[in-house]
Amino acid sequence: MTIQIFEYPAVFYYEKHPLIIDSFSVQVCFPDFRREGIISSVSGRNRVDALACAQELLESMVEHFILDKKTIPDASEMEKVNLDRGINICEAAPFRIEIENITYEKLKNLAG
C-alpha cells in the first residue's frame, strides 16, 4: 500500500448571517475544482464545522475524478489563488477571508 497525497488551497469566507444578530457562517471554496466546472463549495456554522465539510468535499471531488478517469486538476500556488467566488451568497461582502491548504490522503493498493 502507498499513500497518494492531494493538497489544494481552500478559501474560507466568513459571512454575517443576514437575519440573526451576532451570527455568522463560513463558506469554503476550492477554486481549482471550480475552474473545472465542479460544484466546489460547502459551508458550516463555524470554522471547525466548515473545515470538516471541506475535507469531505475534497475527498469526494478527487474520488469523482478518479472514478471517471479524468485528469485531476493541478493545485494552484497559494499566492495565485483567485478569491472571487463568482457568486454572492449574502448581500454583504465577507468580513474575513482566509486561505489554507487542505489535504486528502488516499491509500492506494499496489496489487495489479
PDB file of N, CA and C in Angstrom:
ATOM      1  N   MET A   1       0.840  -1.180   0.000  1.00  0.00           N
ATOM      2  CA  MET A   1       0.000   0.000   0.000  1.00  0.00           C
ATOM      3  C   MET A   1       0.889   1.250   0.000  1.00  0.00           C
ATOM      4  N   THR A   2       0.457   2.227  -0.764  1.00  0.00           N
ATOM      5  CA  THR A   2       1.107   3.534  -0.758  1.00  0.00           C
ATOM      6  C   THR A   2       0.033   4.583  -0.485  1.00  0.00           C
ATOM      7  N   ILE A   3       0.493   5.765  -0.187  1.00  0.00           N
ATOM      8  CA  ILE A   3      -0.432   6.868   0.064  1.00  0.00           C
ATOM      9  C   ILE A   3      -0.226   7.930  -0.995  1.00  0.00           C
ATOM     10  N   GLN A   4      -1.313   8.307  -1.658  1.00  0.00           N
ATOM     11  CA  GLN A   4      -1.295   9.447  -2.573  1.00  0.00           C
ATOM     12  C   GLN A   4      -1.797  10.649  -1.786  1.00  0.00           C
ATOM     13  N   ILE A   5      -1.093  11.747  -1.909  1.00  0.00           N
ATOM     14  CA  ILE A   5      -1.488  12.954  -1.181  1.00  0.00           C
ATOM     15  C   ILE A   5      -1.992  13.998  -2.165  1.00  0.00           C
ATOM     16  N   PHE A   6      -3.193  14.468  -1.926  1.00  0.00           N
ATOM     17  CA  PHE A   6      -3.807  15.528  -2.731  1.00  0.00           C
ATOM     18  C   PHE A   6      -3.972  16.731  -1.811  1.00  0.00           C
ATOM     19  N   GLU A   7      -3.337  17.835  -2.162  1.00  0.00           N
ATOM     20  CA  GLU A   7      -3.388  19.031  -1.328  1.00  0.00           C
ATOM     21  C   GLU A   7      -3.808  20.221  -2.191  1.00  0.00           C
ATOM     22  N   TYR A   8      -4.867  20.887  -1.759  1.00  0.00           N
ATOM     23  CA  TYR A   8      -5.424  22.001  -2.536  1.00  0.00           C
ATOM     24  C   TYR A   8      -5.703  23.200  -1.642  1.00  0.00           C
ATOM     25  N   PRO A   9      -5.506  24.393  -2.182  1.00  0.00           N
ATOM     26  CA  PRO A   9      -5.885  25.578  -1.410  1.00  0.00           C
ATOM     27  C   PRO A   9      -7.405  25.707  -1.345  1.00  0.00           C
ATOM     28  N   ALA A  10      -7.864  26.039  -0.169  1.00  0.00           N
ATOM     29  CA  ALA A  10      -9.289  26.288   0.052  1.00  0.00           C
ATOM     30  C   ALA A  10      -9.429  27.711   0.586  1.00  0.00           C
ATOM     31  N   VAL A  11     -10.462  28.395   0.129  1.00  0.00           N
ATOM     32  CA  VAL A  11     -10.710  29.766   0.570  1.00  0.00           C
ATOM     33  C   VAL A  11     -11.897  29.742   1.532  1.00  0.00           C
ATOM     34  N   PHE A  12     -11.682  30.294   2.721  1.00  0.00           N
ATOM     35  CA  PHE A  12     -12.713  30.375   3.754  1.00  0.00           C
ATOM     36  C   PHE A  12     -13.272  31.793   3.761  1.00  0.00           C
ATOM     37  N   TYR A  13     -14.587  31.908   3.552  1.00  0.00           N
ATOM     38  CA  TYR A  13     -15.269  33.207   3.554  1.00  0.00           C
ATOM     39  C   TYR A  13     -16.161  33.281   4.801  1.00  0.00           C
ATOM     40  N   TYR A  14     -15.881  34.207   5.666  1.00  0.00           N
ATOM     41  CA  TYR A  14     -16.678  34.406   6.878  1.00  0.00           C
ATOM     42  C   TYR A  14     -17.733  35.458   6.586  1.00  0.00           C
ATOM     43  N   GLU A  15     -19.008  35.079   6.771  1.00  0.00           N
ATOM     44  CA  GLU A  15     -20.104  35.986   6.434  1.00  0.00           C
ATOM     45  C   GLU A  15     -21.079  36.116   7.587  1.00  0.00           C
ATOM     46  N   LYS A  16     -21.492  37.349   7.847  1.00  0.00           N
ATOM     47  CA  LYS A  16     -22.509  37.575   8.870  1.00  0.00           C
ATOM     48  C   LYS A  16     -23.836  37.039   8.374  1.00  0.00           C
ATOM     49  N   HIS A  17     -24.573  36.435   9.286  1.00  0.00           N
ATOM     50  CA  HIS A  17     -25.905  35.939   8.938  1.00  0.00           C
ATOM     51  C   HIS A  17     -26.820  37.136   8.752  1.00  0.00           C
ATOM     52  N   PRO A  18     -27.574  37.193   7.642  1.00  0.00           N
ATOM     53  CA  PRO A  18     -28.392  38.386   7.369  1.00  0.00           C
ATOM     54  C   PRO A  18     -29.576  38.573   8.318  1.00  0.00           C
ATOM     55  N   LEU A  19     -30.012  37.506   8.990  1.00  0.00           N
ATOM     56  CA  LEU A  19     -31.200  37.617   9.827  1.00  0.00           C
ATOM     57  C   LEU A  19     -30.937  37.441  11.318  1.00  0.00           C
ATOM     58  N   ILE A  20     -29.829  36.830  11.684  1.00  0.00           N
ATOM     59  CA  ILE A  20     -29.546  36.553  13.091  1.00  0.00           C
ATOM     60  C   ILE A  20     -28.378  37.424  13.559  1.00  0.00           C
ATOM     61  N   ILE A  21     -28.634  38.262  14.539  1.00  0.00           N
ATOM     62  CA  ILE A  21     -27.618  39.180  15.058  1.00  0.00           C
ATOM     63  C   ILE A  21     -26.488  38.382  15.708  1.00  0.00           C
ATOM     64  N   ASP A  22     -25.267  38.819  15.483  1.00  0.00           N
ATOM     65  CA  ASP A  22     -24.063  38.190  16.045  1.00  0.00           C
ATOM     66  C   ASP A  22     -23.889  36.737  15.623  1.00  0.00           C
ATOM     67  N   SER A  23     -24.414  36.389  14.471  1.00  0.00           N
ATOM     68  CA  SER A  23     -24.264  35.028  13.960  1.00  0.00           C
ATOM     69  C   SER A  23     -23.559  35.094  12.612  1.00  0.00           C
ATOM     70  N   PHE A  24     -22.746  34.087  12.337  1.00  0.00           N
ATOM     71  CA  PHE A  24     -22.064  34.046  11.050  1.00  0.00           C
ATOM     72  C   PHE A  24     -21.934  32.601  10.577  1.00  0.00           C
ATOM     73  N   SER A  25     -21.577  32.454   9.325  1.00  0.00           N
ATOM     74  CA  SER A  25     -21.283  31.135   8.768  1.00  0.00           C
ATOM     75  C   SER A  25     -19.970  31.249   8.002  1.00  0.00           C
ATOM     76  N   VAL A  26     -19.413  30.093   7.673  1.00  0.00           N
ATOM     77  CA  VAL A  26     -18.155  30.055   6.946  1.00  0.00           C
ATOM     78  C   VAL A  26     -18.367  29.213   5.695  1.00  0.00           C
ATOM     79  N   GLN A  27     -18.166  29.836   4.543  1.00  0.00           N
ATOM     80  CA  GLN A  27     -18.237  29.110   3.285  1.00  0.00           C
ATOM     81  C   GLN A  27     -16.812  28.790   2.850  1.00  0.00           C
ATOM     82  N   VAL A  28     -16.607  27.580   2.342  1.00  0.00           N
ATOM     83  CA  VAL A  28     -15.291  27.158   1.872  1.00  0.00           C
ATOM     84  C   VAL A  28     -15.407  26.781   0.403  1.00  0.00           C
ATOM     85  N   CYS A  29     -14.466  27.276  -0.397  1.00  0.00           N
ATOM     86  CA  CYS A  29     -14.473  27.030  -1.844  1.00  0.00           C
ATOM     87  C   CYS A  29     -13.098  26.534  -2.287  1.00  0.00           C
ATOM     88  N   PHE A  30     -13.084  25.596  -3.223  1.00  0.00           N
ATOM     89  CA  PHE A  30     -11.855  25.102  -3.841  1.00  0.00           C
ATOM     90  C   PHE A  30     -11.788  25.650  -5.275  1.00  0.00           C
ATOM     91  N   PRO A  31     -11.075  26.766  -5.493  1.00  0.00           N
ATOM     92  CA  PRO A  31     -11.040  27.392  -6.817  1.00  0.00           C
ATOM     93  C   PRO A  31     -10.522  26.482  -7.930  1.00  0.00           C
ATOM     94  N   ASP A  32      -9.591  25.579  -7.633  1.00  0.00           N
ATOM     95  CA  ASP A  32      -9.030  24.713  -8.683  1.00  0.00           C
ATOM     96  C   ASP A  32     -10.073  23.762  -9.250  1.00  0.00           C
ATOM     97  N   PHE A  33     -11.017  23.329  -8.448  1.00  0.00           N
ATOM     98  CA  PHE A  33     -12.078  22.454  -8.939  1.00  0.00           C
ATOM     99  C   PHE A  33     -13.210  23.262  -9.561  1.00  0.00           C
ATOM    100  N   ARG A  34     -13.450  24.476  -9.041  1.00  0.00           N
ATOM    101  CA  ARG A  34     -14.466  25.345  -9.643  1.00  0.00           C
ATOM    102  C   ARG A  34     -14.115  25.648 -11.093  1.00  0.00           C
ATOM    103  N   ARG A  35     -12.808  25.840 -11.364  1.00  0.00           N
ATOM    104  CA  ARG A  35     -12.365  26.094 -12.747  1.00  0.00           C
ATOM    105  C   ARG A  35     -12.726  24.937 -13.668  1.00  0.00           C
ATOM    106  N   GLU A  36     -12.842  23.736 -13.106  1.00  0.00           N
ATOM    107  CA  GLU A  36     -13.180  22.545 -13.904  1.00  0.00           C
ATOM    108  C   GLU A  36     -14.694  22.347 -14.024  1.00  0.00           C
ATOM    109  N   GLY A  37     -15.473  23.285 -13.494  1.00  0.00           N
ATOM    110  CA  GLY A  37     -16.928  23.196 -13.596  1.00  0.00           C
ATOM    111  C   GLY A  37     -17.568  22.340 -12.525  1.00  0.00           C
ATOM    112  N   ILE A  38     -16.829  22.034 -11.465  1.00  0.00           N
ATOM    113  CA  ILE A  38     -17.338  21.209 -10.375  1.00  0.00           C
ATOM    114  C   ILE A  38     -17.885  22.121  -9.273  1.00  0.00           C
ATOM    115  N   ILE A  39     -19.040  21.757  -8.713  1.00  0.00           N
ATOM    116  CA  ILE A  39     -19.547  22.482  -7.552  1.00  0.00           C
ATOM    117  C   ILE A  39     -18.567  22.208  -6.427  1.00  0.00           C
ATOM    118  N   SER A  40     -17.903  23.241  -5.989  1.00  0.00           N
ATOM    119  CA  SER A  40     -16.763  23.027  -5.098  1.00  0.00           C
ATOM    120  C   SER A  40     -16.811  23.901  -3.858  1.00  0.00           C
ATOM    121  N   SER A  41     -17.993  24.059  -3.279  1.00  0.00           N
ATOM    122  CA  SER A  41     -18.066  24.844  -2.056  1.00  0.00           C
ATOM    123  C   SER A  41     -19.044  24.200  -1.078  1.00  0.00           C
ATOM    124  N   VAL A  42     -18.747  24.402   0.180  1.00  0.00           N
ATOM    125  CA  VAL A  42     -19.590  23.939   1.286  1.00  0.00           C
ATOM    126  C   VAL A  42     -19.584  25.038   2.337  1.00  0.00           C
ATOM    127  N   SER A  43     -20.473  24.914   3.305  1.00  0.00           N
ATOM    128  CA  SER A  43     -20.457  25.898   4.384  1.00  0.00           C
ATOM    129  C   SER A  43     -20.708  25.208   5.711  1.00  0.00           C
ATOM    130  N   GLY A  44     -20.350  25.919   6.766  1.00  0.00           N
ATOM    131  CA  GLY A  44     -20.550  25.401   8.102  1.00  0.00           C
ATOM    132  C   GLY A  44     -20.936  26.505   9.057  1.00  0.00           C
ATOM    133  N   ARG A  45     -21.374  26.107  10.247  1.00  0.00           N
ATOM    134  CA  ARG A  45     -21.799  27.076  11.276  1.00  0.00           C
ATOM    135  C   ARG A  45     -20.621  27.835  11.860  1.00  0.00           C
ATOM    136  N   ASN A  46     -19.437  27.216  11.787  1.00  0.00           N
ATOM    137  CA  ASN A  46     -18.221  27.838  12.317  1.00  0.00           C
ATOM    138  C   ASN A  46     -17.035  27.270  11.543  1.00  0.00           C
ATOM    139  N   ARG A  47     -15.834  27.681  11.901  1.00  0.00           N
ATOM    140  CA  ARG A  47     -14.658  27.244  11.148  1.00  0.00           C
ATOM    141  C   ARG A  47     -14.415  25.746  11.255  1.00  0.00           C
ATOM    142  N   VAL A  48     -14.586  25.182  12.435  1.00  0.00           N
ATOM    143  CA  VAL A  48     -14.355  23.745  12.635  1.00  0.00           C
ATOM    144  C   VAL A  48     -15.325  22.928  11.784  1.00  0.00           C
ATOM    145  N   ASP A  49     -16.586  23.313  11.808  1.00  0.00           N
ATOM    146  CA  ASP A  49     -17.609  22.627  11.017  1.00  0.00           C
ATOM    147  C   ASP A  49     -17.319  22.769   9.515  1.00  0.00           C
ATOM    148  N   ALA A  50     -16.964  23.969   9.095  1.00  0.00           N
ATOM    149  CA  ALA A  50     -16.682  24.215   7.678  1.00  0.00           C
ATOM    150  C   ALA A  50     -15.454  23.433   7.219  1.00  0.00           C
ATOM    151  N   LEU A  51     -14.424  23.355   8.045  1.00  0.00           N
ATOM    152  CA  LEU A  51     -13.215  22.600   7.702  1.00  0.00           C
ATOM    153  C   LEU A  51     -13.528  21.114   7.533  1.00  0.00           C
ATOM    154  N   ALA A  52     -14.322  20.551   8.429  1.00  0.00           N
ATOM    155  CA  ALA A  52     -14.705  19.133   8.310  1.00  0.00           C
ATOM    156  C   ALA A  52     -15.480  18.889   7.022  1.00  0.00           C
ATOM    157  N   CYS A  53     -16.402  19.779   6.698  1.00  0.00           N
ATOM    158  CA  CYS A  53     -17.173  19.650   5.454  1.00  0.00           C
ATOM    159  C   CYS A  53     -16.264  19.777   4.233  1.00  0.00           C
ATOM    160  N   ALA A  54     -15.301  20.693   4.300  1.00  0.00           N
ATOM    161  CA  ALA A  54     -14.377  20.906   3.179  1.00  0.00           C
ATOM    162  C   ALA A  54     -13.493  19.683   2.957  1.00  0.00           C
ATOM    163  N   GLN A  55     -13.050  19.055   4.025  1.00  0.00           N
ATOM    164  CA  GLN A  55     -12.230  17.854   3.878  1.00  0.00           C
ATOM    165  C   GLN A  55     -13.026  16.733   3.210  1.00  0.00           C
ATOM    166  N   GLU A  56     -14.283  16.570   3.601  1.00  0.00           N
ATOM    167  CA  GLU A  56     -15.148  15.572   2.962  1.00  0.00           C
ATOM    168  C   GLU A  56     -15.379  15.907   1.491  1.00  0.00           C
ATOM    169  N   LEU A  57     -15.588  17.186   1.204  1.00  0.00           N
ATOM    170  CA  LEU A  57     -15.807  17.602  -0.180  1.00  0.00           C
ATOM    171  C   LEU A  57     -14.578  17.323  -1.039  1.00  0.00           C
ATOM    172  N   LEU A  58     -13.388  17.641  -0.527  1.00  0.00           N
ATOM    173  CA  LEU A  58     -12.165  17.385  -1.293  1.00  0.00           C
ATOM    174  C   LEU A  58     -12.041  15.899  -1.611  1.00  0.00           C
ATOM    175  N   GLU A  59     -12.278  15.048  -0.629  1.00  0.00           N
ATOM    176  CA  GLU A  59     -12.217  13.603  -0.852  1.00  0.00           C
ATOM    177  C   GLU A  59     -13.207  13.192  -1.945  1.00  0.00           C
ATOM    178  N   SER A  60     -14.422  13.688  -1.878  1.00  0.00           N
ATOM    179  CA  SER A  60     -15.447  13.341  -2.876  1.00  0.00           C
ATOM    180  C   SER A  60     -15.061  13.808  -4.279  1.00  0.00           C
ATOM    181  N   MET A  61     -14.526  15.023  -4.369  1.00  0.00           N
ATOM    182  CA  MET A  61     -14.156  15.547  -5.691  1.00  0.00           C
ATOM    183  C   MET A  61     -13.012  14.738  -6.299  1.00  0.00           C
ATOM    184  N   VAL A  62     -11.987  14.425  -5.511  1.00  0.00           N
ATOM    185  CA  VAL A  62     -10.860  13.638  -6.019  1.00  0.00           C
ATOM    186  C   VAL A  62     -11.347  12.260  -6.453  1.00  0.00           C
ATOM    187  N   GLU A  63     -12.149  11.615  -5.626  1.00  0.00           N
ATOM    188  CA  GLU A  63     -12.670  10.282  -5.969  1.00  0.00           C
ATOM    189  C   GLU A  63     -13.524  10.334  -7.234  1.00  0.00           C
ATOM    190  N   HIS A  64     -14.290  11.399  -7.404  1.00  0.00           N
ATOM    191  CA  HIS A  64     -15.097  11.569  -8.622  1.00  0.00           C
ATOM    192  C   HIS A  64     -14.202  11.583  -9.859  1.00  0.00           C
ATOM    193  N   PHE A  65     -13.124  12.345  -9.804  1.00  0.00           N
ATOM    194  CA  PHE A  65     -12.207  12.416 -10.939  1.00  0.00           C
ATOM    195  C   PHE A  65     -11.558  11.061 -11.199  1.00  0.00           C
ATOM    196  N   ILE A  66     -11.178  10.353 -10.154  1.00  0.00           N
ATOM    197  CA  ILE A  66     -10.544   9.043 -10.306  1.00  0.00           C
ATOM    198  C   ILE A  66     -11.520   8.041 -10.919  1.00  0.00           C
ATOM    199  N   LEU A  67     -12.737   7.979 -10.399  1.00  0.00           N
ATOM    200  CA  LEU A  67     -13.732   7.029 -10.911  1.00  0.00           C
ATOM    201  C   LEU A  67     -14.098   7.314 -12.360  1.00  0.00           C
ATOM    202  N   ASP A  68     -14.157   8.582 -12.729  1.00  0.00           N
ATOM    203  CA  ASP A  68     -14.491   8.957 -14.106  1.00  0.00           C
ATOM    204  C   ASP A  68     -13.270   8.955 -15.025  1.00  0.00           C
ATOM    205  N   LYS A  69     -12.114   8.564 -14.456  1.00  0.00           N
ATOM    206  CA  LYS A  69     -10.854   8.519 -15.212  1.00  0.00           C
ATOM    207  C   LYS A  69     -10.535   9.859 -15.876  1.00  0.00           C
ATOM    208  N   LYS A  70     -10.802  10.930 -15.134  1.00  0.00           N
ATOM    209  CA  LYS A  70     -10.495  12.276 -15.594  1.00  0.00           C
ATOM    210  C   LYS A  70      -9.211  12.754 -14.940  1.00  0.00           C
ATOM    211  N   THR A  71      -8.552  13.676 -15.581  1.00  0.00           N
ATOM    212  CA  THR A  71      -7.334  14.245 -15.026  1.00  0.00           C
ATOM    213  C   THR A  71      -7.692  15.147 -13.848  1.00  0.00           C
ATOM    214  N   ILE A  72      -7.089  14.878 -12.714  1.00  0.00           N
ATOM    215  CA  ILE A  72      -7.324  15.682 -11.517  1.00  0.00           C
ATOM    216  C   ILE A  72      -6.603  17.015 -11.705  1.00  0.00           C
ATOM    217  N   PRO A  73      -7.295  18.126 -11.458  1.00  0.00           N
ATOM    218  CA  PRO A  73      -6.654  19.432 -11.692  1.00  0.00           C
ATOM    219  C   PRO A  73      -5.422  19.632 -10.803  1.00  0.00           C
ATOM    220  N   ASP A  74      -4.466  20.371 -11.340  1.00  0.00           N
ATOM    221  CA  ASP A  74      -3.294  20.738 -10.558  1.00  0.00           C
ATOM    222  C   ASP A  74      -3.700  21.761  -9.505  1.00  0.00           C
ATOM    223  N   ALA A  75      -3.031  21.703  -8.373  1.00  0.00           N
ATOM    224  CA  ALA A  75      -3.291  22.673  -7.309  1.00  0.00           C
ATOM    225  C   ALA A  75      -2.578  23.984  -7.621  1.00  0.00           C
ATOM    226  N   SER A  76      -3.262  25.078  -7.383  1.00  0.00           N
ATOM    227  CA  SER A  76      -2.665  26.401  -7.568  1.00  0.00           C
ATOM    228  C   SER A  76      -1.703  26.697  -6.434  1.00  0.00           C
ATOM    229  N   GLU A  77      -0.736  27.548  -6.721  1.00  0.00           N
ATOM    230  CA  GLU A  77       0.100  28.068  -5.646  1.00  0.00           C
ATOM    231  C   GLU A  77      -0.760  29.013  -4.815  1.00  0.00           C
ATOM    232  N   MET A  78      -0.517  29.015  -3.536  1.00  0.00           N
ATOM    233  CA  MET A  78      -1.316  29.822  -2.611  1.00  0.00           C
ATOM    234  C   MET A  78      -1.402  31.286  -3.055  1.00  0.00           C
ATOM    235  N   GLU A  79      -0.279  31.834  -3.542  1.00  0.00           N
ATOM    236  CA  GLU A  79      -0.239  33.248  -3.925  1.00  0.00           C
ATOM    237  C   GLU A  79      -1.068  33.538  -5.179  1.00  0.00           C
ATOM    238  N   LYS A  80      -1.407  32.515  -5.944  1.00  0.00           N
ATOM    239  CA  LYS A  80      -2.129  32.714  -7.204  1.00  0.00           C
ATOM    240  C   LYS A  80      -3.608  32.329  -7.122  1.00  0.00           C
ATOM    241  N   VAL A  81      -4.093  32.045  -5.935  1.00  0.00           N
ATOM    242  CA  VAL A  81      -5.489  31.639  -5.768  1.00  0.00           C
ATOM    243  C   VAL A  81      -6.410  32.822  -6.034  1.00  0.00           C
ATOM    244  N   ASN A  82      -7.427  32.584  -6.848  1.00  0.00           N
ATOM    245  CA  ASN A  82      -8.429  33.598  -7.148  1.00  0.00           C
ATOM    246  C   ASN A  82      -9.450  33.630  -6.014  1.00  0.00           C
ATOM    247  N   LEU A  83      -9.593  34.768  -5.364  1.00  0.00           N
ATOM    248  CA  LEU A  83     -10.505  34.886  -4.227  1.00  0.00           C
ATOM    249  C   LEU A  83     -11.948  35.164  -4.632  1.00  0.00           C
ATOM    250  N   ASP A  84     -12.184  35.452  -5.893  1.00  0.00           N
ATOM    251  CA  ASP A  84     -13.539  35.746  -6.369  1.00  0.00           C
ATOM    252  C   ASP A  84     -14.337  34.456  -6.487  1.00  0.00           C
ATOM    253  N   ARG A  85     -15.438  34.366  -5.764  1.00  0.00           N
ATOM    254  CA  ARG A  85     -16.282  33.162  -5.806  1.00  0.00           C
ATOM    255  C   ARG A  85     -17.132  33.082  -7.067  1.00  0.00           C
ATOM    256  N   GLY A  86     -17.324  34.211  -7.714  1.00  0.00           N
ATOM    257  CA  GLY A  86     -18.176  34.216  -8.896  1.00  0.00           C
ATOM    258  C   GLY A  86     -19.650  34.354  -8.571  1.00  0.00           C
ATOM    259  N   ILE A  87     -19.998  34.254  -7.282  1.00  0.00           N
ATOM    260  CA  ILE A  87     -21.389  34.401  -6.834  1.00  0.00           C
ATOM    261  C   ILE A  87     -21.385  35.157  -5.522  1.00  0.00           C
ATOM    262  N   ASN A  88     -22.502  35.766  -5.193  1.00  0.00           N
ATOM    263  CA  ASN A  88     -22.667  36.417  -3.897  1.00  0.00           C
ATOM    264  C   ASN A  88     -23.677  35.625  -3.099  1.00  0.00           C
ATOM    265  N   ILE A  89     -23.243  35.043  -2.004  1.00  0.00           N
ATOM    266  CA  ILE A  89     -24.143  34.282  -1.149  1.00  0.00           C
ATOM    267  C   ILE A  89     -24.994  35.232  -0.311  1.00  0.00           C
ATOM    268  N   CYS A  90     -24.374  36.244   0.229  1.00  0.00           N
ATOM    269  CA  CYS A  90     -25.059  37.259   1.037  1.00  0.00           C
ATOM    270  C   CYS A  90     -24.961  38.601   0.325  1.00  0.00           C
ATOM    271  N   GLU A  91     -25.780  39.537   0.780  1.00  0.00           N
ATOM    272  CA  GLU A  91     -25.709  40.874   0.202  1.00  0.00           C
ATOM    273  C   GLU A  91     -24.410  41.568   0.587  1.00  0.00           C
ATOM    274  N   ALA A  92     -23.945  41.316   1.795  1.00  0.00           N
ATOM    275  CA  ALA A  92     -22.730  41.959   2.281  1.00  0.00           C
ATOM    276  C   ALA A  92     -21.506  41.125   1.904  1.00  0.00           C
ATOM    277  N   ALA A  93     -20.398  41.806   1.751  1.00  0.00           N
ATOM    278  CA  ALA A  93     -19.143  41.110   1.468  1.00  0.00           C
ATOM    279  C   ALA A  93     -18.694  40.361   2.722  1.00  0.00           C
ATOM    280  N   PRO A  94     -17.913  39.293   2.543  1.00  0.00           N
ATOM    281  CA  PRO A  94     -17.397  38.586   3.716  1.00  0.00           C
ATOM    282  C   PRO A  94     -16.593  39.537   4.602  1.00  0.00           C
ATOM    283  N   PHE A  95     -16.687  39.357   5.914  1.00  0.00           N
ATOM    284  CA  PHE A  95     -15.926  40.221   6.816  1.00  0.00           C
ATOM    285  C   PHE A  95     -14.520  39.682   7.054  1.00  0.00           C
ATOM    286  N   ARG A  96     -14.259  38.459   6.572  1.00  0.00           N
ATOM    287  CA  ARG A  96     -12.923  37.875   6.712  1.00  0.00           C
ATOM    288  C   ARG A  96     -12.751  36.793   5.653  1.00  0.00           C
ATOM    289  N   ILE A  97     -11.547  36.719   5.089  1.00  0.00           N
ATOM    290  CA  ILE A  97     -11.219  35.693   4.096  1.00  0.00           C
ATOM    291  C   ILE A  97      -9.880  35.071   4.485  1.00  0.00           C
ATOM    292  N   GLU A  98      -9.822  33.754   4.490  1.00  0.00           N
ATOM    293  CA  GLU A  98      -8.584  33.025   4.789  1.00  0.00           C
ATOM    294  C   GLU A  98      -8.338  31.995   3.687  1.00  0.00           C
ATOM    295  N   ILE A  99      -7.079  31.665   3.477  1.00  0.00           N
ATOM    296  CA  ILE A  99      -6.716  30.597   2.543  1.00  0.00           C
ATOM    297  C   ILE A  99      -5.888  29.580   3.311  1.00  0.00           C
ATOM    298  N   GLU A 100      -6.213  28.320   3.128  1.00  0.00           N
ATOM    299  CA  GLU A 100      -5.489  27.239   3.806  1.00  0.00           C
ATOM    300  C   GLU A 100      -5.444  26.028   2.883  1.00  0.00           C
ATOM    301  N   ASN A 101      -4.330  25.330   2.868  1.00  0.00           N
ATOM    302  CA  ASN A 101      -4.256  24.085   2.112  1.00  0.00           C
ATOM    303  C   ASN A 101      -4.967  22.983   2.890  1.00  0.00           C
ATOM    304  N   ILE A 102      -5.774  22.210   2.181  1.00  0.00           N
ATOM    305  CA  ILE A 102      -6.464  21.072   2.765  1.00  0.00           C
ATOM    306  C   ILE A 102      -5.968  19.824   2.048  1.00  0.00           C
ATOM    307  N   THR A 103      -5.735  18.766   2.817  1.00  0.00           N
ATOM    308  CA  THR A 103      -5.118  17.560   2.294  1.00  0.00           C
ATOM    309  C   THR A 103      -6.059  16.370   2.372  1.00  0.00           C
ATOM    310  N   TYR A 104      -6.026  15.554   1.321  1.00  0.00           N
ATOM    311  CA  TYR A 104      -6.711  14.261   1.316  1.00  0.00           C
ATOM    312  C   TYR A 104      -5.643  13.210   1.039  1.00  0.00           C
ATOM    313  N   GLU A 105      -5.509  12.247   1.944  1.00  0.00           N
ATOM    314  CA  GLU A 105      -4.549  11.172   1.789  1.00  0.00           C
ATOM    315  C   GLU A 105      -5.302   9.913   1.387  1.00  0.00           C
ATOM    316  N   LYS A 106      -5.000   9.423   0.187  1.00  0.00           N
ATOM    317  CA  LYS A 106      -5.697   8.256  -0.359  1.00  0.00           C
ATOM    318  C   LYS A 106      -4.765   7.045  -0.326  1.00  0.00           C
ATOM    319  N   LEU A 107      -5.251   5.977   0.303  1.00  0.00           N
ATOM    320  CA  LEU A 107      -4.486   4.731   0.292  1.00  0.00           C
ATOM    321  C   LEU A 107      -4.628   4.081  -1.083  1.00  0.00           C
ATOM    322  N   LYS A 108      -3.517   3.654  -1.632  1.00  0.00           N
ATOM    323  CA  LYS A 108      -3.519   3.067  -2.971  1.00  0.00           C
ATOM    324  C   LYS A 108      -2.947   1.648  -2.865  1.00  0.00           C
ATOM    325  N   ASN A 109      -3.719   0.701  -3.343  1.00  0.00           N
ATOM    326  CA  ASN A 109      -3.283  -0.691  -3.336  1.00  0.00           C
ATOM    327  C   ASN A 109      -2.358  -0.933  -4.528  1.00  0.00           C
ATOM    328  N   LEU A 110      -1.210  -1.523  -4.301  1.00  0.00           N
ATOM    329  CA  LEU A 110      -0.238  -1.759  -5.376  1.00  0.00           C
ATOM    330  C   LEU A 110      -0.490  -3.068  -6.124  1.00  0.00           C
ATOM    331  N   ALA A 111      -1.431  -3.877  -5.667  1.00  0.00           N
ATOM    332  CA  ALA A 111      -1.707  -5.165  -6.332  1.00  0.00           C
ATOM    333  C   ALA A 111      -2.210  -4.917  -7.745  1.00  0.00           C
ATOM    334  N   GLY A 112      -1.716  -5.679  -8.674  1.00  0.00           N
ATOM    335  CA  GLY A 112      -2.093  -5.458 -10.064  1.00  0.00           C
ATOM    336  C   GLY A 112      -2.870  -6.482 -10.603  1.00  0.00           C
TER     337      GLY A 112
END
